[in-house]
C-alpha atoms as a PDB file:
ATOM      1  CA  MET A   1     -74.641  90.659 181.969  1.00  0.00           C
ATOM      2  CA  PRO A   2     -73.507  88.701 185.297  1.00  0.00           C
ATOM      3  CA  ARG A   3     -76.929  88.235 186.782  1.00  0.00           C
ATOM      4  CA  ILE A   4     -76.365  85.269 189.101  1.00  0.00           C
ATOM      5  CA  THR A   5     -73.291  87.019 190.407  1.00  0.00           C
ATOM      6  CA  LEU A   6     -75.724  90.375 190.635  1.00  0.00           C
ATOM      7  CA  PHE A   7     -77.944  88.279 192.862  1.00  0.00           C
ATOM      8  CA  PHE A   8     -75.411  86.813 195.331  1.00  0.00           C
ATOM      9  CA  ALA A   9     -73.230  90.200 195.634  1.00  0.00           C
ATOM     10  CA  ALA A  10     -76.859  91.819 196.517  1.00  0.00           C
ATOM     11  CA  LEU A  11     -77.254  89.300 198.866  1.00  0.00           C
ATOM     12  CA  HIS A  12     -73.596  89.491 200.460  1.00  0.00           C
ATOM     13  CA  VAL A  13     -73.958  93.134 200.328  1.00  0.00           C
ATOM     14  CA  LEU A  14     -77.143  92.922 202.630  1.00  0.00           C
ATOM     15  CA  LEU A  15     -75.306  90.563 204.979  1.00  0.00           C
ATOM     16  CA  MET A  16     -72.045  92.664 204.986  1.00  0.00           C
ATOM     17  CA  LEU A  17     -74.128  95.551 206.296  1.00  0.00           C
ATOM     18  CA  TRP A  18     -75.767  93.655 208.643  1.00  0.00           C
ATOM     19  CA  LEU A  19     -72.544  92.706 210.465  1.00  0.00           C
ATOM     20  CA  ALA A  20     -71.261  96.272 210.115  1.00  0.00           C
ATOM     21  CA  TRP A  21     -74.361  97.452 212.238  1.00  0.00           C
ATOM     22  CA  ARG A  22     -73.922  95.125 214.887  1.00  0.00           C
ATOM     23  CA  VAL A  23     -70.339  96.490 215.115  1.00  0.00           C
ATOM     24  CA  VAL A  24     -71.876 100.176 215.158  1.00  0.00           C
ATOM     25  CA  VAL A  25     -74.378  98.754 217.664  1.00  0.00           C
ATOM     26  CA  ARG A  26     -72.127  97.494 220.053  1.00  0.00           C
ATOM     27  CA  ARG A  27     -69.666 100.674 219.483  1.00  0.00           C
ATOM     28  CA  ARG A  28     -71.822 103.127 220.654  1.00  0.00           C
ATOM     29  CA  SER A  29     -73.491 101.407 223.428  1.00  0.00           C
ATOM     30  CA  ALA A  30     -69.802 100.688 224.947  1.00  0.00           C
ATOM     31  CA  LYS A  31     -68.875 104.522 223.979  1.00  0.00           C
ATOM     32  CA  ILE A  32     -65.912 103.146 222.026  1.00  0.00           C
ATOM     33  CA  GLY A  33     -64.968 105.300 219.079  1.00  0.00           C
ATOM     34  CA  LEU A  34     -61.728 103.625 218.152  1.00  0.00           C
ATOM     35  CA  GLY A  35     -60.279 100.093 218.477  1.00  0.00           C
ATOM     36  CA  THR A  36     -62.317  97.849 221.057  1.00  0.00           C
ATOM     37  CA  GLY A  37     -60.794  99.357 224.403  1.00  0.00           C
ATOM     38  CA  GLY A  38     -60.808  95.936 225.904  1.00  0.00           C
ATOM     39  CA  ASP A  39     -64.859  94.923 224.766  1.00  0.00           C
ATOM     40  CA  TYR A  40     -64.979  91.400 224.524  1.00  0.00           C
ATOM     41  CA  ALA A  41     -68.256  91.617 222.576  1.00  0.00           C
ATOM     42  CA  LEU A  42     -67.016  94.475 220.515  1.00  0.00           C
ATOM     43  CA  GLU A  43     -63.881  92.565 219.340  1.00  0.00           C
ATOM     44  CA  ARG A  44     -65.829  89.516 218.575  1.00  0.00           C
ATOM     45  CA  ALA A  45     -68.318  91.768 216.246  1.00  0.00           C
ATOM     46  CA  ILE A  46     -65.459  93.290 214.378  1.00  0.00           C
ATOM     47  CA  ARG A  47     -63.662  89.577 213.864  1.00  0.00           C
ATOM     48  CA  VAL A  48     -67.152  88.439 212.297  1.00  0.00           C
ATOM     49  CA  HIS A  49     -67.127  91.420 210.032  1.00  0.00           C
ATOM     50  CA  GLY A  50     -63.748  91.407 209.040  1.00  0.00           C
ATOM     51  CA  ASN A  51     -63.470  87.746 208.522  1.00  0.00           C
ATOM     52  CA  PHE A  52     -66.467  88.341 206.290  1.00  0.00           C
ATOM     53  CA  VAL A  53     -64.565  91.215 204.398  1.00  0.00           C
ATOM     54  CA  GLU A  54     -61.606  88.927 204.053  1.00  0.00           C
ATOM     55  CA  TYR A  55     -63.511  86.039 202.205  1.00  0.00           C
ATOM     56  CA  VAL A  56     -66.235  87.451 200.472  1.00  0.00           C
ATOM     57  CA  PRO A  57     -64.893  89.962 197.748  1.00  0.00           C
ATOM     58  CA  LEU A  58     -62.405  87.498 196.305  1.00  0.00           C
ATOM     59  CA  ALA A  59     -65.061  84.843 196.216  1.00  0.00           C
ATOM     60  CA  LEU A  60     -67.513  87.314 194.154  1.00  0.00           C
ATOM     61  CA  LEU A  61     -64.681  88.261 192.318  1.00  0.00           C
ATOM     62  CA  MET A  62     -63.809  84.444 190.980  1.00  0.00           C
ATOM     63  CA  LEU A  63     -68.220  83.837 190.700  1.00  0.00           C
ATOM     64  CA  ALA A  64     -68.464  86.665 188.105  1.00  0.00           C
ATOM     65  CA  LEU A  65     -65.377  85.675 186.210  1.00  0.00           C
ATOM     66  CA  LEU A  66     -66.760  82.489 185.924  1.00  0.00           C
ATOM     67  CA  GLU A  67     -69.786  83.745 185.027  1.00  0.00           C
ATOM     68  CA  LEU A  68     -68.472  86.254 182.323  1.00  0.00           C
ATOM     69  CA  SER A  69     -66.295  82.642 180.845  1.00  0.00           C
ATOM     70  CA  GLY A  70     -69.734  81.137 180.610  1.00  0.00           C
ATOM     71  CA  LEU A  71     -69.661  78.554 183.272  1.00  0.00           C
ATOM     72  CA  ALA A  72     -72.712  76.623 183.516  1.00  0.00           C
ATOM     73  CA  ALA A  73     -75.732  78.726 185.561  1.00  0.00           C
ATOM     74  CA  PRO A  74     -76.403  75.319 187.920  1.00  0.00           C
ATOM     75  CA  TRP A  75     -72.280  75.368 188.851  1.00  0.00           C
ATOM     76  CA  LEU A  76     -72.780  79.313 189.281  1.00  0.00           C
ATOM     77  CA  TRP A  77     -75.902  78.771 191.691  1.00  0.00           C
ATOM     78  CA  SER A  78     -74.623  76.086 193.527  1.00  0.00           C
ATOM     79  CA  PHE A  79     -71.516  78.095 193.986  1.00  0.00           C
ATOM     80  CA  GLY A  80     -73.573  81.175 195.234  1.00  0.00           C
ATOM     81  CA  VAL A  81     -75.609  79.385 197.589  1.00  0.00           C
ATOM     82  CA  MET A  82     -72.592  77.651 199.130  1.00  0.00           C
ATOM     83  CA  LEU A  83     -70.768  80.571 199.897  1.00  0.00           C
ATOM     84  CA  LEU A  84     -73.988  82.488 201.413  1.00  0.00           C
ATOM     85  CA  ILE A  85     -74.687  79.855 203.649  1.00  0.00           C
ATOM     86  CA  GLY A  86     -71.356  79.201 204.382  1.00  0.00           C
ATOM     87  CA  ARG A  87     -70.966  82.739 205.477  1.00  0.00           C
ATOM     88  CA  LEU A  88     -74.053  82.560 207.523  1.00  0.00           C
ATOM     89  CA  LEU A  89     -72.607  79.574 209.568  1.00  0.00           C
ATOM     90  CA  HIS A  90     -69.559  81.266 210.055  1.00  0.00           C
ATOM     91  CA  ALA A  91     -70.937  84.678 211.168  1.00  0.00           C
ATOM     92  CA  GLN A  92     -73.275  82.659 213.306  1.00  0.00           C
ATOM     93  CA  GLY A  93     -70.875  80.459 214.697  1.00  0.00           C
ATOM     94  CA  LEU A  94     -68.172  83.239 215.625  1.00  0.00           C
ATOM     95  CA  SER A  95     -70.666  85.289 217.115  1.00  0.00           C
ATOM     96  CA  GLY A  96     -71.550  82.407 219.473  1.00  0.00           C
ATOM     97  CA  LYS A  97     -68.704  81.631 221.244  1.00  0.00           C
ATOM     98  CA  SER A  98     -65.054  81.212 221.411  1.00  0.00           C
ATOM     99  CA  GLY A  99     -62.902  78.252 219.787  1.00  0.00           C
ATOM    100  CA  THR A 100     -64.388  75.521 217.498  1.00  0.00           C
ATOM    101  CA  SER A 101     -68.444  75.590 216.945  1.00  0.00           C
ATOM    102  CA  PHE A 102     -71.003  74.035 214.151  1.00  0.00           C
ATOM    103  CA  GLY A 103     -71.702  77.242 212.473  1.00  0.00           C
ATOM    104  CA  ARG A 104     -67.480  78.290 212.424  1.00  0.00           C
ATOM    105  CA  PHE A 105     -66.362  74.581 211.236  1.00  0.00           C
ATOM    106  CA  TYR A 106     -69.410  74.279 208.556  1.00  0.00           C
ATOM    107  CA  GLY A 107     -69.290  77.703 207.402  1.00  0.00           C
ATOM    108  CA  THR A 108     -65.343  77.728 207.157  1.00  0.00           C
ATOM    109  CA  LEU A 109     -65.402  74.344 205.405  1.00  0.00           C
ATOM    110  CA  LEU A 110     -68.133  75.591 202.756  1.00  0.00           C
ATOM    111  CA  THR A 111     -66.615  78.779 202.226  1.00  0.00           C
ATOM    112  CA  TRP A 112     -63.178  77.194 201.441  1.00  0.00           C
ATOM    113  CA  LEU A 113     -64.726  74.033 199.334  1.00  0.00           C
ATOM    114  CA  THR A 114     -66.454  77.166 197.658  1.00  0.00           C
ATOM    115  CA  LEU A 115     -63.417  78.923 196.712  1.00  0.00           C
ATOM    116  CA  LEU A 116     -61.136  76.028 195.904  1.00  0.00           C
ATOM    117  CA  GLY A 117     -63.871  74.674 193.472  1.00  0.00           C
ATOM    118  CA  MET A 118     -64.549  78.031 191.679  1.00  0.00           C
ATOM    119  CA  SER A 119     -60.463  77.861 191.520  1.00  0.00           C
ATOM    120  CA  VAL A 120     -59.892  74.567 189.868  1.00  0.00           C
ATOM    121  CA  LEU A 121     -62.953  75.406 187.678  1.00  0.00           C
ATOM    122  CA  GLY A 122     -61.313  78.624 186.372  1.00  0.00           C
ATOM    123  CA  LEU A 123     -58.195  76.886 185.773  1.00  0.00           C
ATOM    124  CA  THR A 124     -59.387  74.155 183.884  1.00  0.00           C
ATOM    125  CA  ARG A 125     -61.594  76.871 181.750  1.00  0.00           C
ATOM    126  CA  PHE A 126     -58.426  78.874 181.247  1.00  0.00           C
ATOM    127  CA  LEU A 127     -56.081  76.095 180.435  1.00  0.00           C
ATOM    128  CA  GLY A 128     -59.320  75.070 177.899  1.00  0.00           C
ATOM    129  CA  LEU A 129     -59.902  71.738 179.649  1.00  0.00           C
ATOM    130  CA  PRO A 130     -63.056  70.249 179.861  1.00  0.00           C
END
């Protein structure tokens, strides 16, 4: 069983629910049922949640496949931690202000490096390379 992936998937689900809750709270306070109604704070909350949903499922799938392929636990823990920190940083950075920010930049960088690393290791395992 992919226990390490299960752990990180559970943490990411909690983060996703928190991001979704922020959208719901803003919708209710602004009385906007569908779309953004021109509410900038709602638009930002939706985008933060949406960005998370765009990246995390595929990353967790890669983590699970690597774990099932027998990748050593230190690699799996490293990828899981990097992804979680990247997503937390990105959510914090994108929630704060428009444009670049520490959280947005480094959150994106960590997420992309994690995806790249998992992809490279996935390909090397597929090809049977050391």
